[in-house]
Amino acid sequence: MKIIMVCGGYKYKKEMTEITEKMALKGNCMLTPIELTKHDKEAYTEDEILTLGKMHKEKIKLSDTILVVNVNGYIGSATRSEVEYAKSLNKEIMYYTDLIK
């Protein structure tokens, strides 16, 4: 069993949910980003945004691996920074596009 943190843009929520379920059914402990109730970033204070970012990094620290949901090879700037952070911690990096083949 691995502890896997799912990383990716919210526009791929459907794919994130599907791969999380698939990986959990294979016996992995899956960590996911918090699902935001407000769809506009401006609805959050700067402190709230910083807190969410810190919690996301804590989940990456807890994980053995991160799973990057890179639909059609796309990785946005926020996800790219998460990949770099995970690499700095010597975490394994898995990519969605490699798992759905």
Protein backbone atom coordinates (compact mmCIF):
# COMPACT_ATOMS: atom_id res chain seq x y z
CA MET A 1 0.00 0.00 0.00
CA LYS A 2 1.15 3.48 -0.88
CA ILE A 3 -0.07 6.81 0.38
CA ILE A 4 -0.78 8.81 -2.77
CA MET A 5 -1.59 12.51 -3.00
CA VAL A 6 -3.63 13.50 -6.03
CA CYS A 7 -2.56 16.76 -7.68
CA GLY A 8 -4.18 18.57 -10.59
CA GLY A 9 -6.48 21.34 -11.66
CA TYR A 10 -10.11 21.45 -10.56
CA LYS A 11 -11.18 21.51 -14.19
CA TYR A 12 -10.25 17.79 -14.15
CA LYS A 13 -12.38 17.01 -11.10
CA LYS A 14 -14.13 14.11 -12.87
CA GLU A 15 -10.84 12.48 -13.87
CA MET A 16 -9.39 13.10 -10.40
CA THR A 17 -12.36 11.38 -8.77
CA GLU A 18 -12.23 8.41 -11.15
CA ILE A 19 -8.49 7.77 -10.76
CA THR A 20 -8.71 8.23 -6.99
CA GLU A 21 -11.36 5.53 -6.81
CA LYS A 22 -9.42 3.22 -9.12
CA MET A 23 -6.21 3.59 -7.10
CA ALA A 24 -8.04 3.17 -3.76
CA LEU A 25 -9.62 -0.07 -5.02
CA LYS A 26 -6.07 -1.31 -5.71
CA GLY A 27 -5.32 -0.89 -2.00
CA ASN A 28 -3.77 2.58 -1.91
CA CYS A 29 -4.50 5.25 0.68
CA MET A 30 -5.55 8.27 -1.37
CA LEU A 31 -5.20 11.90 -0.29
CA THR A 32 -7.06 14.49 -2.33
CA PRO A 33 -7.23 18.27 -2.50
CA ILE A 34 -9.97 19.86 -0.44
CA GLU A 35 -13.10 20.44 -2.48
CA LEU A 36 -13.75 24.15 -2.43
CA THR A 37 -17.33 25.31 -1.97
CA LYS A 38 -16.66 28.76 -3.40
CA HIS A 39 -15.88 28.66 -7.09
CA ASP A 40 -14.21 32.06 -7.21
CA LYS A 41 -10.78 32.48 -5.62
CA GLU A 42 -11.65 36.07 -4.74
CA ALA A 43 -14.25 34.68 -2.32
CA TYR A 44 -11.39 33.55 -0.06
CA THR A 45 -9.15 35.77 2.03
CA GLU A 46 -5.43 35.77 1.39
CA ASP A 47 -4.92 33.97 4.72
CA GLU A 48 -7.42 31.27 3.73
CA ILE A 49 -5.65 30.73 0.41
CA LEU A 50 -2.29 30.48 2.19
CA THR A 51 -3.74 28.00 4.68
CA LEU A 52 -5.13 25.82 1.90
CA GLY A 53 -1.76 25.87 0.15
CA LYS A 54 0.04 24.87 3.35
CA MET A 55 -2.38 22.00 3.94
CA HIS A 56 -1.86 20.78 0.38
CA LYS A 57 1.91 20.76 0.94
CA GLU A 58 1.42 18.88 4.21
CA LYS A 59 -0.48 16.20 2.31
CA ILE A 60 2.38 15.96 -0.18
CA LYS A 61 4.80 15.55 2.77
CA LEU A 62 2.65 12.74 4.19
CA SER A 63 2.50 10.88 0.89
CA ASP A 64 4.84 8.33 -0.60
CA THR A 65 3.86 9.38 -4.10
CA ILE A 66 2.00 12.12 -5.90
CA LEU A 67 -0.35 11.35 -8.76
CA VAL A 68 -0.46 14.18 -11.27
CA VAL A 69 -3.76 14.33 -13.15
CA ASN A 70 -2.39 15.61 -16.45
CA VAL A 71 -5.30 15.13 -18.87
CA ASN A 72 -4.01 15.37 -22.44
CA GLY A 73 -0.56 16.07 -20.97
CA TYR A 74 -1.63 19.42 -19.49
CA ILE A 75 0.03 20.52 -16.25
CA GLY A 76 -0.84 24.00 -15.01
CA SER A 77 1.54 26.27 -13.11
CA ALA A 78 0.14 25.42 -9.65
CA THR A 79 0.39 21.69 -10.32
CA ARG A 80 3.87 22.15 -11.79
CA SER A 81 4.96 23.81 -8.52
CA GLU A 82 3.49 20.86 -6.58
CA VAL A 83 5.53 18.47 -8.73
CA GLU A 84 8.69 20.48 -8.02
CA TYR A 85 7.91 20.47 -4.30
CA ALA A 86 7.37 16.70 -4.33
CA LYS A 87 10.64 16.23 -6.22
CA SER A 88 12.46 18.32 -3.60
CA LEU A 89 11.19 15.81 -1.02
CA ASN A 90 12.28 12.86 -3.19
CA LYS A 91 8.68 11.69 -3.65
CA GLU A 92 7.74 9.32 -6.45
CA ILE A 93 5.80 11.07 -9.23
CA MET A 94 3.09 9.21 -11.15
CA TYR A 95 1.16 10.63 -14.09
CA TYR A 96 -2.49 10.05 -14.95
CA THR A 97 -1.68 9.70 -18.66
CA ASP A 98 0.62 6.76 -17.88
CA LEU A 99 -2.06 4.97 -15.84
CA ILE A 100 -4.96 5.17 -18.28
CA LYS A 101 -3.18 3.47 -21.18
